[in-house]
Amino acid sequence: MSALPRAVRLGGICLLLLLASGGAHAQTVIERLLLAAEDNNLEFMRDTVGRGMPVDTVDTAGNSLLMVAVRHGRMEMAQLLISLKANIQHRNAVGDTPLMFAAIGGNVAVARLLVEHGARVNHEGWTPLHYCAVGGKSGMCQFLLDKDADIDARSPNGTTPLMLAVRGG
């Protein structure tokens, strides 16, 4: 085990900062967190966040750990991050939310989890329903419609989910 993971396991954030000042890179910890979210490494995530790393750490595109977990369909990781108080409404650099990532992937189980914990199905701009309509994810579209998603919501370019579904189908 290298020094950085050992520091996370044994010493927490203060030791991480000490290592970072001596040549170990804090960016490596962020990369490991992002990889843990992607690979469903619950133990590493729980330990690292428990020792002080922010649960809403983001990658270079502004994607939060929760967004990474959702994008990869990691239900257990999403549950863990939500229990650690991850921001369900987080928006990345282009305005996407975790629920939008679930919609793109058609992952209804993860979408249900997010909605149960307060994710909004309707908001300004592009919505999860726009995304699943484009991708032809009918099960996801039905789930969002059952949760009162607005089929006539206007995106920044004026398209609605209904228009996108008609074009795609």
Foldseek 3Di string as FASTA:
>chain_A
DDPQLVCLQPPADVVNVVVCVVPDPPVVVLVVLLVCLLVVVLVSNCSHVVRPDDQQRADPQQQGSLLSNLLNPNQVSNVSSVVVPHDQCGQTNVGDGSLLSNLLVLPVVSNVVSVVSPRDQDDAADGSLLNNLLVVSVVSNVSSVVVVRDQCHQHPVGDGSVNNNVVND
